[in-house]
Each structure stands twice: as structure tokens, then as C-alpha cells.
Amino acid sequence: MNEEEIEGIKSELGKGYKIFKSAYKYLSGVGTGSGGGVFSIPLNCFTDFVKQIDLVNGKDIRFAESDTQFLTLNKRSKPSNLNPGVALIRFQFLEIIVRLALKRYEDTKIASSKSEAIKMVYERNLYPSFGKDDSQKFRDERYWNEEVDNLLKSHVQLFEYLYKNYGGTHMKPGDQLFMT
């Protein structure tokens, strides 16, 4: 791969990142339960997702190929507290979508380049389901304001109590305190 192709891929990933992130946030929220405590996407949730967005359709890409990609990505990363090893975390999700996009659109000659294949996956497959979600608008209009800030500040002692007493339930010895 030459420098121009790499820059084209980076550019398209940047343009579609909001949609990729929106899909990941949704799927990792509904898919959590992999035993890791970290937001992640287990195989069954991912399989339903690629079927729903018509990225893996059984013709251009078989479901077995998608599952193989999923398992390969998980074997490469050592399981840890922040990477359950049986589910996709954010960088793995982005990588598998790129791999499947290249297989679906570039390998079948539907797209003329790698960057076009990535553009096609976020425009054709992801945008119809996840492109209309604007969680930032909610934050700006409803969450990041003085009224909510005052409410949180008035209950800071309760939050500190909860954190100190219930944080660390999934910690290993020597880990820094965190709450799941």
C-alpha cells in the first residue's frame, strides 16, 4: 500500500468516524455482558449487526468469513481488564469494519480503491441505521448546562460515597480504583 492510499483511507475514516463511533456506542451498550465489565461487542451481537446493515450478506462475504475475522482479531490481543478477549473493543470494531468493507467492495470490484470501499461502507451500510443519531446535540442542549452542573454539585457527597463503597468490585489486587 502506498502513501496516497493510506492518506485516502485516513481521510475517509475521518469523514465517517462519527457514524462508526455511533454504531460502536450503541452495539457495545447492548452487547455488554461479555464478562469483562468494559463496553464491548460480543460475537452474536456483531453477527446480528453485520446482517442488519447488509455488510455481510452471504454472497459477497459469507458469515463464516466475518466470524473468522472476529475471532482472529480477538486472538491477537491479550485479554485484560480493559479488553475482555471474547468481544470487540473500539479499535477492533473499526478494524473489522474496514477489513469487511475492503472484502465486500474492493475485492468484488464494486469500489475502485480502498478509500472508496470505506466510503461505501459508511454511506451504504452504516448511515441508514446510525447516521441520524446526534448524541452531541443532546449533550450540548440538555446535559452540559448550568442547571445539571448545579444538581450534580449538590449531590457530590452521595456520588463520592457510592464511588468509595462500590467502586472496585471488579478490581484485581494492585489496580487503581475504578467503577463499572
Protein backbone atom coordinates (compact mmCIF):
# COMPACT_ATOMS: atom_id res chain seq x y z
CA MET A 1 0.00 0.00 0.00
CA ASN A 2 1.45 3.38 -0.95
CA GLU A 3 1.33 6.66 0.98
CA GLU A 4 -1.50 8.04 -1.18
CA GLU A 5 -3.73 5.04 -0.41
CA ILE A 6 -3.00 5.34 3.30
CA GLU A 7 -3.89 9.04 3.29
CA GLY A 8 -7.11 8.30 1.36
CA ILE A 9 -8.10 5.66 3.91
CA LYS A 10 -7.35 8.02 6.82
CA SER A 11 -9.40 10.73 5.17
CA GLU A 12 -12.43 8.51 4.66
CA LEU A 13 -12.19 7.11 8.19
CA GLY A 14 -12.14 10.67 9.48
CA LYS A 15 -15.20 11.63 7.46
CA GLY A 16 -17.17 8.61 8.64
CA TYR A 17 -15.81 8.41 12.18
CA LYS A 18 -18.90 9.93 13.78
CA ILE A 19 -21.03 7.17 12.25
CA PHE A 20 -18.53 4.42 13.19
CA LYS A 21 -18.45 5.74 16.74
CA SER A 22 -22.23 5.96 16.96
CA ALA A 23 -22.58 2.34 15.83
CA TYR A 24 -19.93 1.19 18.30
CA LYS A 25 -21.51 3.05 21.22
CA TYR A 26 -24.90 1.54 20.52
CA LEU A 27 -23.65 -2.00 19.95
CA SER A 28 -21.26 -2.01 22.89
CA GLY A 29 -24.07 -0.81 25.15
CA VAL A 30 -26.50 -3.53 24.13
CA GLY A 31 -23.77 -6.13 23.71
CA THR A 32 -22.08 -5.73 27.08
CA GLY A 33 -22.18 -8.86 29.14
CA SER A 34 -19.03 -10.45 27.86
CA GLY A 35 -17.81 -10.76 31.41
CA GLY A 36 -15.20 -8.06 31.09
CA GLY A 37 -17.13 -5.17 32.57
CA VAL A 38 -15.88 -2.95 29.75
CA PHE A 39 -18.17 -1.89 26.93
CA SER A 40 -17.60 -4.33 24.09
CA ILE A 41 -19.38 -6.18 21.31
CA PRO A 42 -19.68 -9.98 21.58
CA LEU A 43 -19.78 -12.23 18.51
CA ASN A 44 -23.53 -12.85 18.45
CA CYS A 45 -24.25 -9.10 18.66
CA PHE A 46 -21.69 -8.38 15.92
CA THR A 47 -23.14 -11.07 13.65
CA ASP A 48 -26.63 -9.62 14.03
CA PHE A 49 -25.23 -6.15 13.33
CA VAL A 50 -23.43 -7.04 10.06
CA LYS A 51 -26.55 -8.87 8.94
CA GLN A 52 -28.79 -5.90 9.84
CA ILE A 53 -26.68 -3.36 7.93
CA ASP A 54 -26.27 -5.78 4.99
CA LEU A 55 -22.48 -5.70 5.13
CA VAL A 56 -22.25 -9.47 5.32
CA ASN A 57 -24.92 -10.86 3.07
CA GLY A 58 -23.88 -14.45 2.44
CA LYS A 59 -22.97 -13.68 -1.20
CA ASP A 60 -20.10 -11.19 -1.34
CA ILE A 61 -18.98 -12.14 2.17
CA ARG A 62 -20.03 -15.31 3.94
CA PHE A 63 -20.88 -15.25 7.64
CA ALA A 64 -18.08 -17.74 8.31
CA GLU A 65 -15.58 -15.19 6.97
CA SER A 66 -16.97 -12.50 9.24
CA ASP A 67 -16.77 -14.83 12.25
CA THR A 68 -13.19 -15.77 11.33
CA GLN A 69 -12.21 -12.09 11.19
CA PHE A 70 -13.83 -11.56 14.60
CA LEU A 71 -12.01 -14.49 16.19
CA THR A 72 -8.68 -13.54 14.59
CA LEU A 73 -8.86 -10.01 16.00
CA ASN A 74 -9.62 -11.35 19.45
CA LYS A 75 -6.74 -13.85 19.38
CA ARG A 76 -4.23 -11.11 18.55
CA SER A 77 -4.99 -9.11 21.70
CA LYS A 78 -4.17 -10.46 25.13
CA PRO A 79 -7.28 -10.43 27.36
CA SER A 80 -7.09 -7.86 30.15
CA ASN A 81 -9.30 -5.84 32.42
CA LEU A 82 -10.00 -3.38 29.59
CA ASN A 83 -10.05 -5.93 26.75
CA PRO A 84 -12.24 -8.95 27.51
CA GLY A 85 -10.79 -11.05 24.69
CA VAL A 86 -14.16 -12.50 23.69
CA ALA A 87 -15.62 -9.29 22.32
CA LEU A 88 -14.62 -6.32 20.18
CA ILE A 89 -13.44 -3.12 21.76
CA ARG A 90 -13.40 0.16 19.84
CA PHE A 91 -10.19 -0.17 17.80
CA GLN A 92 -11.03 -3.79 16.94
CA PHE A 93 -14.52 -2.78 15.83
CA LEU A 94 -13.10 -0.16 13.46
CA GLU A 95 -10.52 -2.60 12.13
CA ILE A 96 -13.03 -5.36 11.40
CA ILE A 97 -15.41 -2.94 9.66
CA VAL A 98 -12.52 -1.76 7.45
CA ARG A 99 -11.49 -5.36 6.67
CA LEU A 100 -15.05 -6.34 5.78
CA ALA A 101 -15.54 -3.18 3.71
CA LEU A 102 -12.44 -3.96 1.67
CA LYS A 103 -13.57 -7.55 1.19
CA ARG A 104 -17.11 -6.52 0.24
CA TYR A 105 -16.44 -3.54 -2.00
CA GLU A 106 -12.82 -3.60 -3.19
CA ASP A 107 -12.28 -7.33 -3.65
CA THR A 108 -15.53 -7.63 -5.63
CA LYS A 109 -14.53 -4.61 -7.79
CA ILE A 110 -17.57 -2.58 -6.72
CA ALA A 111 -15.17 0.08 -5.42
CA SER A 112 -12.13 1.17 -7.37
CA SER A 113 -9.95 1.88 -4.31
CA LYS A 114 -9.62 1.12 -0.62
CA SER A 115 -10.75 4.61 0.37
CA GLU A 116 -13.83 4.31 -1.86
CA ALA A 117 -14.67 0.96 -0.21
CA ILE A 118 -14.57 2.61 3.22
CA LYS A 119 -16.70 5.48 1.99
CA MET A 120 -19.23 2.99 0.62
CA VAL A 121 -19.48 1.09 3.90
CA TYR A 122 -20.31 4.14 5.96
CA GLU A 123 -22.62 5.65 3.34
CA ARG A 124 -24.45 2.50 2.22
CA ASN A 125 -24.35 0.27 5.27
CA LEU A 126 -23.88 2.37 8.41
CA TYR A 127 -25.53 5.70 7.64
CA PRO A 128 -29.10 4.42 7.20
CA SER A 129 -29.09 2.92 10.71
CA PHE A 130 -26.63 5.08 12.64
CA GLY A 131 -26.07 8.31 10.71
CA LYS A 132 -29.07 10.18 12.05
CA ASP A 133 -28.09 9.84 15.73
CA ASP A 134 -26.60 13.04 17.12
CA SER A 135 -25.74 12.39 20.74
CA GLN A 136 -23.61 15.54 20.83
CA LYS A 137 -26.73 17.63 20.30
CA PHE A 138 -28.26 16.10 23.45
CA ARG A 139 -25.09 16.87 25.42
CA ASP A 140 -24.94 20.46 24.21
CA GLU A 141 -28.63 21.23 24.71
CA ARG A 142 -29.65 19.10 27.71
CA TYR A 143 -26.66 17.85 29.65
CA TRP A 144 -23.80 20.34 29.60
CA ASN A 145 -25.58 23.25 31.20
CA GLU A 146 -25.56 25.12 34.49
CA GLU A 147 -28.76 23.54 35.80
CA VAL A 148 -27.40 19.98 35.53
CA ASP A 149 -24.00 21.08 36.84
CA ASN A 150 -25.62 22.60 39.94
CA LEU A 151 -27.67 19.45 40.50
CA LEU A 152 -24.58 17.23 40.30
CA LYS A 153 -22.60 19.53 42.60
CA SER A 154 -25.40 19.49 45.18
CA HIS A 155 -25.13 15.67 45.33
CA VAL A 156 -21.35 15.32 45.15
CA GLN A 157 -21.14 13.76 48.64
CA LEU A 158 -23.55 11.00 47.61
CA PHE A 159 -21.54 10.29 44.44
CA GLU A 160 -18.27 10.16 46.41
CA TYR A 161 -19.83 7.77 48.92
CA LEU A 162 -21.09 5.48 46.16
CA TYR A 163 -17.72 5.54 44.39
CA LYS A 164 -15.72 4.78 47.53
CA ASN A 165 -18.04 2.00 48.71
CA TYR A 166 -19.00 0.34 45.43
CA GLY A 167 -16.10 1.18 43.14
CA GLY A 168 -13.52 -1.51 42.61
CA THR A 169 -15.85 -4.51 42.70
CA HIS A 170 -14.14 -5.90 39.58
CA MET A 171 -10.61 -4.85 40.52
CA LYS A 172 -7.65 -7.12 40.79
CA PRO A 173 -5.06 -6.53 43.53
CA GLY A 174 -2.91 -3.54 42.67
CA ASP A 175 -5.38 -1.99 40.19
CA GLN A 176 -6.32 1.65 40.52
CA LEU A 177 -9.86 2.20 41.85
CA PHE A 178 -12.49 2.37 39.10
CA MET A 179 -16.21 1.78 38.85
CA THR A 180 -18.00 -0.29 36.23
